[in-house]
PDB file of all heavy atoms in Angstrom:
ATOM      1  N   GLU A   1      -8.056  16.586   4.423  1.00  0.00           N
ATOM      2  CA  GLU A   1      -9.224  17.282   3.918  1.00  0.00           C
ATOM      3  C   GLU A   1      -9.559  16.831   2.552  1.00  0.00           C
ATOM      4  O   GLU A   1      -8.760  16.641   1.621  1.00  0.00           O
ATOM      5  CB  GLU A   1      -8.912  18.796   3.932  1.00  0.00           C
ATOM      6  CG  GLU A   1     -10.172  19.576   3.563  1.00  0.00           C
ATOM      7  CD  GLU A   1      -9.937  21.073   3.638  1.00  0.00           C
ATOM      8  OE1 GLU A   1      -8.773  21.495   4.033  1.00  0.00           O
ATOM      9  OE2 GLU A   1     -10.833  21.888   3.229  1.00  0.00           O
ATOM     10  N   GLY A   2     -10.822  16.522   2.396  1.00  0.00           N
ATOM     11  CA  GLY A   2     -11.333  16.111   1.031  1.00  0.00           C
ATOM     12  C   GLY A   2     -10.942  14.736   0.679  1.00  0.00           C
ATOM     13  O   GLY A   2     -10.920  14.313  -0.513  1.00  0.00           O
ATOM     14  N   TYR A   3     -10.625  13.886   1.678  1.00  0.00           N
ATOM     15  CA  TYR A   3     -10.127  12.529   1.408  1.00  0.00           C
ATOM     16  C   TYR A   3     -11.230  11.629   0.845  1.00  0.00           C
ATOM     17  O   TYR A   3     -12.349  11.661   1.401  1.00  0.00           O
ATOM     18  CB  TYR A   3      -9.631  12.010   2.740  1.00  0.00           C
ATOM     19  CG  TYR A   3      -9.055  10.515   2.626  1.00  0.00           C
ATOM     20  CD1 TYR A   3      -7.705  10.303   2.270  1.00  0.00           C
ATOM     21  CD2 TYR A   3      -9.810   9.451   2.869  1.00  0.00           C
ATOM     22  CE1 TYR A   3      -7.193   9.072   2.176  1.00  0.00           C
ATOM     23  CE2 TYR A   3      -9.375   8.133   2.733  1.00  0.00           C
ATOM     24  CZ  TYR A   3      -8.025   7.989   2.421  1.00  0.00           C
ATOM     25  OH  TYR A   3      -7.528   6.666   2.256  1.00  0.00           O
ATOM     26  N   GLU A   4     -10.954  10.897  -0.129  1.00  0.00           N
ATOM     27  CA  GLU A   4     -11.807   9.891  -0.688  1.00  0.00           C
ATOM     28  C   GLU A   4     -10.991   8.654  -0.972  1.00  0.00           C
ATOM     29  O   GLU A   4      -9.895   8.762  -1.636  1.00  0.00           O
ATOM     30  CB  GLU A   4     -12.504  10.345  -1.977  1.00  0.00           C
ATOM     31  CG  GLU A   4     -13.499  11.513  -1.776  1.00  0.00           C
ATOM     32  CD  GLU A   4     -14.172  11.997  -3.071  1.00  0.00           C
ATOM     33  OE1 GLU A   4     -14.072  11.253  -4.047  1.00  0.00           O
ATOM     34  OE2 GLU A   4     -14.776  13.059  -3.050  1.00  0.00           O
ATOM     35  N   ARG A   5     -11.413   7.527  -0.500  1.00  0.00           N
ATOM     36  CA  ARG A   5     -10.647   6.302  -0.642  1.00  0.00           C
ATOM     37  C   ARG A   5     -10.302   5.982  -2.158  1.00  0.00           C
ATOM     38  O   ARG A   5      -9.215   5.442  -2.490  1.00  0.00           O
ATOM     39  CB  ARG A   5     -11.336   5.098   0.005  1.00  0.00           C
ATOM     40  CG  ARG A   5     -11.365   5.270   1.508  1.00  0.00           C
ATOM     41  CD  ARG A   5     -11.903   4.030   2.193  1.00  0.00           C
ATOM     42  NE  ARG A   5     -11.822   4.123   3.673  1.00  0.00           N
ATOM     43  CZ  ARG A   5     -12.091   3.157   4.479  1.00  0.00           C
ATOM     44  NH1 ARG A   5     -12.533   1.963   4.017  1.00  0.00           N
ATOM     45  NH2 ARG A   5     -11.933   3.296   5.769  1.00  0.00           N
ATOM     46  N   SER A   6     -11.280   6.257  -3.034  1.00  0.00           N
ATOM     47  CA  SER A   6     -11.069   5.907  -4.406  1.00  0.00           C
ATOM     48  C   SER A   6      -9.936   6.725  -5.075  1.00  0.00           C
ATOM     49  O   SER A   6      -9.434   6.330  -6.118  1.00  0.00           O
ATOM     50  CB  SER A   6     -12.446   6.117  -5.202  1.00  0.00           C
ATOM     51  OG  SER A   6     -12.719   7.483  -5.145  1.00  0.00           O
ATOM     52  N   ARG A   7      -9.657   7.834  -4.435  1.00  0.00           N
ATOM     53  CA  ARG A   7      -8.614   8.733  -4.944  1.00  0.00           C
ATOM     54  C   ARG A   7      -7.207   8.529  -4.372  1.00  0.00           C
ATOM     55  O   ARG A   7      -6.238   9.117  -4.841  1.00  0.00           O
ATOM     56  CB  ARG A   7      -9.004  10.182  -4.825  1.00  0.00           C
ATOM     57  CG  ARG A   7     -10.265  10.543  -5.576  1.00  0.00           C
ATOM     58  CD  ARG A   7     -10.943  11.855  -5.036  1.00  0.00           C
ATOM     59  NE  ARG A   7      -9.989  12.974  -4.940  1.00  0.00           N
ATOM     60  CZ  ARG A   7     -10.224  14.063  -4.253  1.00  0.00           C
ATOM     61  NH1 ARG A   7     -11.314  14.235  -3.562  1.00  0.00           N
ATOM     62  NH2 ARG A   7      -9.284  15.042  -4.296  1.00  0.00           N
ATOM     63  N   ALA A   8      -7.156   7.632  -3.426  1.00  0.00           N
ATOM     64  CA  ALA A   8      -5.898   7.454  -2.662  1.00  0.00           C
ATOM     65  C   ALA A   8      -5.173   6.210  -3.065  1.00  0.00           C
ATOM     66  O   ALA A   8      -5.766   5.191  -3.387  1.00  0.00           O
ATOM     67  CB  ALA A   8      -6.187   7.445  -1.153  1.00  0.00           C
ATOM     68  N   VAL A   9      -3.829   6.292  -3.005  1.00  0.00           N
ATOM     69  CA  VAL A   9      -2.950   5.157  -3.139  1.00  0.00           C
ATOM     70  C   VAL A   9      -1.785   5.173  -2.175  1.00  0.00           C
ATOM     71  O   VAL A   9      -1.289   6.343  -1.948  1.00  0.00           O
ATOM     72  CB  VAL A   9      -2.446   4.987  -4.642  1.00  0.00           C
ATOM     73  CG1 VAL A   9      -1.709   6.321  -5.057  1.00  0.00           C
ATOM     74  CG2 VAL A   9      -1.579   3.752  -4.781  1.00  0.00           C
ATOM     75  N   TRP A  10      -1.442   4.115  -1.642  1.00  0.00           N
ATOM     76  CA  TRP A  10      -0.329   4.025  -0.611  1.00  0.00           C
ATOM     77  C   TRP A  10       0.842   3.351  -1.262  1.00  0.00           C
ATOM     78  O   TRP A  10       0.733   2.307  -1.918  1.00  0.00           O
ATOM     79  CB  TRP A  10      -0.822   3.211   0.578  1.00  0.00           C
ATOM     80  CG  TRP A  10       0.027   3.261   1.829  1.00  0.00           C
ATOM     81  CD1 TRP A  10       1.348   2.854   1.926  1.00  0.00           C
ATOM     82  CD2 TRP A  10      -0.346   3.720   3.151  1.00  0.00           C
ATOM     83  NE1 TRP A  10       1.785   3.029   3.200  1.00  0.00           N
ATOM     84  CE2 TRP A  10       0.794   3.527   3.959  1.00  0.00           C
ATOM     85  CE3 TRP A  10      -1.508   4.195   3.668  1.00  0.00           C
ATOM     86  CZ2 TRP A  10       0.721   3.870   5.289  1.00  0.00           C
ATOM     87  CZ3 TRP A  10      -1.572   4.514   5.025  1.00  0.00           C
ATOM     88  CH2 TRP A  10      -0.413   4.349   5.890  1.00  0.00           C
ATOM     89  N   VAL A  11       2.043   3.914  -1.139  1.00  0.00           N
ATOM     90  CA  VAL A  11       3.252   3.386  -1.700  1.00  0.00           C
ATOM     91  C   VAL A  11       4.268   3.178  -0.601  1.00  0.00           C
ATOM     92  O   VAL A  11       4.602   4.155   0.101  1.00  0.00           O
ATOM     93  CB  VAL A  11       3.821   4.310  -2.790  1.00  0.00           C
ATOM     94  CG1 VAL A  11       5.093   3.622  -3.404  1.00  0.00           C
ATOM     95  CG2 VAL A  11       2.795   4.595  -3.861  1.00  0.00           C
ATOM     96  N   GLY A  12       4.733   2.013  -0.394  1.00  0.00           N
ATOM     97  CA  GLY A  12       5.691   1.696   0.587  1.00  0.00           C
ATOM     98  C   GLY A  12       6.478   0.417   0.370  1.00  0.00           C
ATOM     99  O   GLY A  12       6.101  -0.397  -0.430  1.00  0.00           O
ATOM    100  N   ASP A  13       7.526   0.256   1.197  1.00  0.00           N
ATOM    101  CA  ASP A  13       8.421  -0.934   0.975  1.00  0.00           C
ATOM    102  C   ASP A  13       8.054  -2.115   1.891  1.00  0.00           C
ATOM    103  O   ASP A  13       8.601  -3.192   1.782  1.00  0.00           O
ATOM    104  CB  ASP A  13       9.857  -0.540   1.217  1.00  0.00           C
ATOM    105  CG  ASP A  13      10.102  -0.312   2.719  1.00  0.00           C
ATOM    106  OD1 ASP A  13       9.585   0.662   3.272  1.00  0.00           O
ATOM    107  OD2 ASP A  13      10.952  -1.100   3.296  1.00  0.00           O
ATOM    108  N   SER A  14       7.146  -1.885   2.898  1.00  0.00           N
ATOM    109  CA  SER A  14       6.954  -2.913   3.894  1.00  0.00           C
ATOM    110  C   SER A  14       5.585  -3.570   3.781  1.00  0.00           C
ATOM    111  O   SER A  14       4.513  -2.977   3.751  1.00  0.00           O
ATOM    112  CB  SER A  14       7.104  -2.265   5.317  1.00  0.00           C
ATOM    113  OG  SER A  14       6.777  -3.135   6.319  1.00  0.00           O
ATOM    114  N   LEU A  15       5.664  -4.950   3.802  1.00  0.00           N
ATOM    115  CA  LEU A  15       4.427  -5.663   3.892  1.00  0.00           C
ATOM    116  C   LEU A  15       3.959  -5.878   5.307  1.00  0.00           C
ATOM    117  O   LEU A  15       2.847  -6.463   5.468  1.00  0.00           O
ATOM    118  CB  LEU A  15       4.732  -7.083   3.247  1.00  0.00           C
ATOM    119  CG  LEU A  15       4.979  -7.097   1.724  1.00  0.00           C
ATOM    120  CD1 LEU A  15       5.285  -8.523   1.226  1.00  0.00           C
ATOM    121  CD2 LEU A  15       3.779  -6.557   1.015  1.00  0.00           C
ATOM    122  N   THR A  16       4.706  -5.453   6.292  1.00  0.00           N
ATOM    123  CA  THR A  16       4.260  -5.620   7.694  1.00  0.00           C
ATOM    124  C   THR A  16       3.820  -4.273   8.293  1.00  0.00           C
ATOM    125  O   THR A  16       3.184  -4.266   9.332  1.00  0.00           O
ATOM    126  CB  THR A  16       5.385  -6.157   8.551  1.00  0.00           C
ATOM    127  OG1 THR A  16       6.570  -5.366   8.495  1.00  0.00           O
ATOM    128  CG2 THR A  16       5.717  -7.617   8.111  1.00  0.00           C
ATOM    129  N   SER A  17       4.143  -3.189   7.655  1.00  0.00           N
ATOM    130  CA  SER A  17       3.656  -1.884   8.209  1.00  0.00           C
ATOM    131  C   SER A  17       2.809  -1.085   7.192  1.00  0.00           C
ATOM    132  O   SER A  17       1.812  -0.541   7.555  1.00  0.00           O
ATOM    133  CB  SER A  17       4.838  -1.031   8.712  1.00  0.00           C
ATOM    134  OG  SER A  17       5.708  -0.625   7.678  1.00  0.00           O
ATOM    135  N   ASP A  18       3.296  -1.001   5.953  1.00  0.00           N
ATOM    136  CA  ASP A  18       2.579  -0.228   4.904  1.00  0.00           C
ATOM    137  C   ASP A  18       1.319  -0.945   4.387  1.00  0.00           C
ATOM    138  O   ASP A  18       0.215  -0.403   4.304  1.00  0.00           O
ATOM    139  CB  ASP A  18       3.506   0.116   3.799  1.00  0.00           C
ATOM    140  CG  ASP A  18       4.648   1.052   4.274  1.00  0.00           C
ATOM    141  OD1 ASP A  18       4.264   2.090   4.917  1.00  0.00           O
ATOM    142  OD2 ASP A  18       5.818   0.761   3.986  1.00  0.00           O
ATOM    143  N   ALA A  19       1.561  -2.169   3.933  1.00  0.00           N
ATOM    144  CA  ALA A  19       0.442  -2.934   3.322  1.00  0.00           C
ATOM    145  C   ALA A  19      -0.729  -3.145   4.269  1.00  0.00           C
ATOM    146  O   ALA A  19      -1.859  -2.929   3.812  1.00  0.00           O
ATOM    147  CB  ALA A  19       0.972  -4.288   2.824  1.00  0.00           C
ATOM    148  N   PRO A  20      -0.525  -3.437   5.536  1.00  0.00           N
ATOM    149  CA  PRO A  20      -1.703  -3.603   6.432  1.00  0.00           C
ATOM    150  C   PRO A  20      -2.494  -2.283   6.533  1.00  0.00           C
ATOM    151  O   PRO A  20      -3.721  -2.289   6.716  1.00  0.00           O
ATOM    152  CB  PRO A  20      -1.099  -3.988   7.741  1.00  0.00           C
ATOM    153  CG  PRO A  20       0.152  -4.699   7.374  1.00  0.00           C
ATOM    154  CD  PRO A  20       0.669  -3.875   6.254  1.00  0.00           C
ATOM    155  N   CYS A  21      -1.791  -1.128   6.546  1.00  0.00           N
ATOM    156  CA  CYS A  21      -2.530   0.161   6.710  1.00  0.00           C
ATOM    157  C   CYS A  21      -3.397   0.392   5.481  1.00  0.00           C
ATOM    158  O   CYS A  21      -4.540   0.751   5.543  1.00  0.00           O
ATOM    159  CB  CYS A  21      -1.518   1.362   6.786  1.00  0.00           C
ATOM    160  SG  CYS A  21      -0.747   1.416   8.463  1.00  0.00           S
ATOM    161  N   ALA A  22      -2.828   0.144   4.307  1.00  0.00           N
ATOM    162  CA  ALA A  22      -3.604   0.340   3.073  1.00  0.00           C
ATOM    163  C   ALA A  22      -4.817  -0.675   3.082  1.00  0.00           C
ATOM    164  O   ALA A  22      -5.937  -0.254   2.679  1.00  0.00           O
ATOM    165  CB  ALA A  22      -2.713   0.112   1.845  1.00  0.00           C
ATOM    166  N   ALA A  23      -4.609  -1.879   3.516  1.00  0.00           N
ATOM    167  CA  ALA A  23      -5.686  -2.828   3.547  1.00  0.00           C
ATOM    168  C   ALA A  23      -6.771  -2.424   4.475  1.00  0.00           C
ATOM    169  O   ALA A  23      -7.921  -2.551   4.185  1.00  0.00           O
ATOM    170  CB  ALA A  23      -5.080  -4.257   3.939  1.00  0.00           C
ATOM    171  N   SER A  24      -6.426  -1.897   5.707  1.00  0.00           N
ATOM    172  CA  SER A  24      -7.412  -1.504   6.625  1.00  0.00           C
ATOM    173  C   SER A  24      -8.220  -0.319   6.138  1.00  0.00           C
ATOM    174  O   SER A  24      -9.379  -0.170   6.526  1.00  0.00           O
ATOM    175  CB  SER A  24      -6.736  -1.192   7.968  1.00  0.00           C
ATOM    176  OG  SER A  24      -6.016   0.027   7.974  1.00  0.00           O
ATOM    177  N   LEU A  25      -7.626   0.479   5.251  1.00  0.00           N
ATOM    178  CA  LEU A  25      -8.356   1.596   4.681  1.00  0.00           C
ATOM    179  C   LEU A  25      -9.160   1.183   3.435  1.00  0.00           C
ATOM    180  O   LEU A  25     -10.002   1.963   2.938  1.00  0.00           O
ATOM    181  CB  LEU A  25      -7.379   2.733   4.338  1.00  0.00           C
ATOM    182  CG  LEU A  25      -6.697   3.490   5.454  1.00  0.00           C
ATOM    183  CD1 LEU A  25      -5.745   4.491   4.979  1.00  0.00           C
ATOM    184  CD2 LEU A  25      -7.754   4.141   6.373  1.00  0.00           C
ATOM    185  N   GLY A  26      -8.843   0.020   2.877  1.00  0.00           N
ATOM    186  CA  GLY A  26      -9.471  -0.348   1.640  1.00  0.00           C
ATOM    187  C   GLY A  26      -9.061   0.402   0.452  1.00  0.00           C
ATOM    188  O   GLY A  26      -9.852   0.676  -0.491  1.00  0.00           O
ATOM    189  N   ILE A  27      -7.730   0.797   0.421  1.00  0.00           N
ATOM    190  CA  ILE A  27      -7.216   1.560  -0.706  1.00  0.00           C
ATOM    191  C   ILE A  27      -6.164   0.826  -1.429  1.00  0.00           C
ATOM    192  O   ILE A  27      -5.618  -0.204  -0.950  1.00  0.00           O
ATOM    193  CB  ILE A  27      -6.679   2.971  -0.290  1.00  0.00           C
ATOM    194  CG1 ILE A  27      -5.438   2.776   0.633  1.00  0.00           C
ATOM    195  CG2 ILE A  27      -7.763   3.786   0.374  1.00  0.00           C
ATOM    196  CD1 ILE A  27      -4.741   4.089   1.007  1.00  0.00           C
ATOM    197  N   ASP A  28      -5.810   1.236  -2.645  1.00  0.00           N
ATOM    198  CA  ASP A  28      -4.790   0.619  -3.462  1.00  0.00           C
ATOM    199  C   ASP A  28      -3.433   0.754  -2.770  1.00  0.00           C
ATOM    200  O   ASP A  28      -3.103   1.759  -2.178  1.00  0.00           O
ATOM    201  CB  ASP A  28      -4.741   1.242  -4.829  1.00  0.00           C
ATOM    202  CG  ASP A  28      -5.992   0.910  -5.695  1.00  0.00           C
ATOM    203  OD1 ASP A  28      -6.143  -0.360  -5.877  1.00  0.00           O
ATOM    204  OD2 ASP A  28      -6.658   1.782  -6.155  1.00  0.00           O
ATOM    205  N   PHE A  29      -2.623  -0.265  -2.987  1.00  0.00           N
ATOM    206  CA  PHE A  29      -1.253  -0.313  -2.363  1.00  0.00           C
ATOM    207  C   PHE A  29      -0.298  -0.790  -3.452  1.00  0.00           C
ATOM    208  O   PHE A  29      -0.512  -1.739  -4.185  1.00  0.00           O
ATOM    209  CB  PHE A  29      -1.197  -1.301  -1.182  1.00  0.00           C
ATOM    210  CG  PHE A  29       0.163  -1.514  -0.652  1.00  0.00           C
ATOM    211  CD1 PHE A  29       0.836  -0.478   0.005  1.00  0.00           C
ATOM    212  CD2 PHE A  29       0.828  -2.702  -0.830  1.00  0.00           C
ATOM    213  CE1 PHE A  29       2.098  -0.652   0.491  1.00  0.00           C
ATOM    214  CE2 PHE A  29       2.146  -2.889  -0.358  1.00  0.00           C
ATOM    215  CZ  PHE A  29       2.780  -1.874   0.280  1.00  0.00           C
ATOM    216  N   ILE A  30       0.846  -0.089  -3.433  1.00  0.00           N
ATOM    217  CA  ILE A  30       1.954  -0.484  -4.399  1.00  0.00           C
ATOM    218  C   ILE A  30       3.157  -0.794  -3.479  1.00  0.00           C
ATOM    219  O   ILE A  30       3.598   0.117  -2.784  1.00  0.00           O
ATOM    220  CB  ILE A  30       2.276   0.599  -5.374  1.00  0.00           C
ATOM    221  CG1 ILE A  30       1.111   0.859  -6.357  1.00  0.00           C
ATOM    222  CG2 ILE A  30       3.498   0.155  -6.202  1.00  0.00           C
ATOM    223  CD1 ILE A  30       1.305   2.021  -7.259  1.00  0.00           C
ATOM    224  N   LEU A  31       3.706  -1.954  -3.602  1.00  0.00           N
ATOM    225  CA  LEU A  31       4.874  -2.338  -2.900  1.00  0.00           C
ATOM    226  C   LEU A  31       6.071  -1.844  -3.724  1.00  0.00           C
ATOM    227  O   LEU A  31       6.214  -2.174  -4.874  1.00  0.00           O
ATOM    228  CB  LEU A  31       4.961  -3.872  -2.788  1.00  0.00           C
ATOM    229  CG  LEU A  31       6.229  -4.400  -2.074  1.00  0.00           C
ATOM    230  CD1 LEU A  31       6.332  -3.976  -0.576  1.00  0.00           C
ATOM    231  CD2 LEU A  31       6.302  -5.921  -2.222  1.00  0.00           C
ATOM    232  N   TYR A  32       6.903  -1.028  -3.062  1.00  0.00           N
ATOM    233  CA  TYR A  32       8.155  -0.523  -3.800  1.00  0.00           C
ATOM    234  C   TYR A  32       9.312  -1.412  -3.365  1.00  0.00           C
ATOM    235  O   TYR A  32       9.794  -1.305  -2.245  1.00  0.00           O
ATOM    236  CB  TYR A  32       8.385   0.900  -3.499  1.00  0.00           C
ATOM    237  CG  TYR A  32       9.603   1.446  -4.245  1.00  0.00           C
ATOM    238  CD1 TYR A  32       9.547   1.582  -5.632  1.00  0.00           C
ATOM    239  CD2 TYR A  32      10.800   1.619  -3.554  1.00  0.00           C
ATOM    240  CE1 TYR A  32      10.678   1.990  -6.359  1.00  0.00           C
ATOM    241  CE2 TYR A  32      11.966   2.001  -4.303  1.00  0.00           C
ATOM    242  CZ  TYR A  32      11.895   2.221  -5.672  1.00  0.00           C
ATOM    243  OH  TYR A  32      12.981   2.597  -6.330  1.00  0.00           O
ATOM    244  N   ARG A  33       9.747  -2.251  -4.286  1.00  0.00           N
ATOM    245  CA  ARG A  33      10.871  -3.163  -4.006  1.00  0.00           C
ATOM    246  C   ARG A  33      11.751  -3.298  -5.266  1.00  0.00           C
ATOM    247  O   ARG A  33      11.366  -4.043  -6.203  1.00  0.00           O
ATOM    248  CB  ARG A  33      10.390  -4.558  -3.619  1.00  0.00           C
ATOM    249  CG  ARG A  33       9.700  -4.602  -2.231  1.00  0.00           C
ATOM    250  CD  ARG A  33      10.732  -4.777  -1.120  1.00  0.00           C
ATOM    251  NE  ARG A  33      10.074  -4.960   0.183  1.00  0.00           N
ATOM    252  CZ  ARG A  33       9.814  -6.224   0.690  1.00  0.00           C
ATOM    253  NH1 ARG A  33      10.131  -7.257   0.072  1.00  0.00           N
ATOM    254  NH2 ARG A  33       9.241  -6.302   1.877  1.00  0.00           N
ATOM    255  N   PRO A  34      12.846  -2.577  -5.360  1.00  0.00           N
ATOM    256  CA  PRO A  34      13.723  -2.677  -6.603  1.00  0.00           C
ATOM    257  C   PRO A  34      14.174  -4.044  -6.893  1.00  0.00           C
ATOM    258  O   PRO A  34      14.369  -4.417  -7.996  1.00  0.00           O
ATOM    259  CB  PRO A  34      14.882  -1.748  -6.220  1.00  0.00           C
ATOM    260  CG  PRO A  34      14.323  -0.761  -5.311  1.00  0.00           C
ATOM    261  CD  PRO A  34      13.326  -1.484  -4.441  1.00  0.00           C
ATOM    262  N   LYS A  35      14.242  -4.934  -5.863  1.00  0.00           N
ATOM    263  CA  LYS A  35      14.717  -6.328  -6.061  1.00  0.00           C
ATOM    264  C   LYS A  35      13.561  -7.240  -6.344  1.00  0.00           C
ATOM    265  O   LYS A  35      13.784  -8.445  -6.602  1.00  0.00           O
ATOM    266  CB  LYS A  35      15.439  -6.789  -4.789  1.00  0.00           C
ATOM    267  CG  LYS A  35      16.758  -6.115  -4.569  1.00  0.00           C
ATOM    268  CD  LYS A  35      17.476  -6.665  -3.358  1.00  0.00           C
ATOM    269  CE  LYS A  35      18.811  -5.978  -3.102  1.00  0.00           C
ATOM    270  NZ  LYS A  35      19.532  -6.539  -1.960  1.00  0.00           N
ATOM    271  N   GLY A  36      12.353  -6.690  -6.410  1.00  0.00           N
ATOM    272  CA  GLY A  36      11.189  -7.477  -6.790  1.00  0.00           C
ATOM    273  C   GLY A  36      10.404  -7.948  -5.518  1.00  0.00           C
ATOM    274  O   GLY A  36      10.926  -7.946  -4.469  1.00  0.00           O
ATOM    275  N   ALA A  37       9.201  -8.375  -5.813  1.00  0.00           N
ATOM    276  CA  ALA A  37       8.322  -8.835  -4.711  1.00  0.00           C
ATOM    277  C   ALA A  37       8.814 -10.144  -4.142  1.00  0.00           C
ATOM    278  O   ALA A  37       9.361 -10.971  -4.825  1.00  0.00           O
ATOM    279  CB  ALA A  37       6.906  -8.937  -5.232  1.00  0.00           C
ATOM    280  N   PRO A  38       8.564 -10.333  -2.801  1.00  0.00           N
ATOM    281  CA  PRO A  38       8.890 -11.613  -2.187  1.00  0.00           C
ATOM    282  C   PRO A  38       8.004 -12.728  -2.712  1.00  0.00           C
ATOM    283  O   PRO A  38       6.873 -12.480  -3.229  1.00  0.00           O
ATOM    284  CB  PRO A  38       8.656 -11.394  -0.751  1.00  0.00           C
ATOM    285  CG  PRO A  38       7.644 -10.210  -0.664  1.00  0.00           C
ATOM    286  CD  PRO A  38       7.968  -9.423  -1.870  1.00  0.00           C
ATOM    287  N   GLU A  39       8.431 -13.931  -2.637  1.00  0.00           N
ATOM    288  CA  GLU A  39       7.680 -15.078  -3.087  1.00  0.00           C
ATOM    289  C   GLU A  39       6.322 -15.152  -2.380  1.00  0.00           C
ATOM    290  O   GLU A  39       6.163 -14.946  -1.203  1.00  0.00           O
ATOM    291  CB  GLU A  39       8.402 -16.356  -2.856  1.00  0.00           C
ATOM    292  CG  GLU A  39       7.829 -17.554  -3.380  1.00  0.00           C
ATOM    293  CD  GLU A  39       8.678 -18.816  -3.176  1.00  0.00           C
ATOM    294  OE1 GLU A  39       9.772 -18.740  -2.713  1.00  0.00           O
ATOM    295  OE2 GLU A  39       8.119 -19.943  -3.508  1.00  0.00           O
ATOM    296  N   GLY A  40       5.289 -15.318  -3.211  1.00  0.00           N
ATOM    297  CA  GLY A  40       3.961 -15.463  -2.672  1.00  0.00           C
ATOM    298  C   GLY A  40       3.185 -14.197  -2.681  1.00  0.00           C
ATOM    299  O   GLY A  40       1.957 -14.222  -2.477  1.00  0.00           O
TER     300      GLY A  40
END
């Protein structure tokens, strides 16, 4: 309820499940990886 894309952010560890969802919604995404982001 009351959802607005500009107010939403997705946080997840997966570039194959979380990142694509955020991309399809057109919202900000933060990859959570204590060991750092993968190359590229």
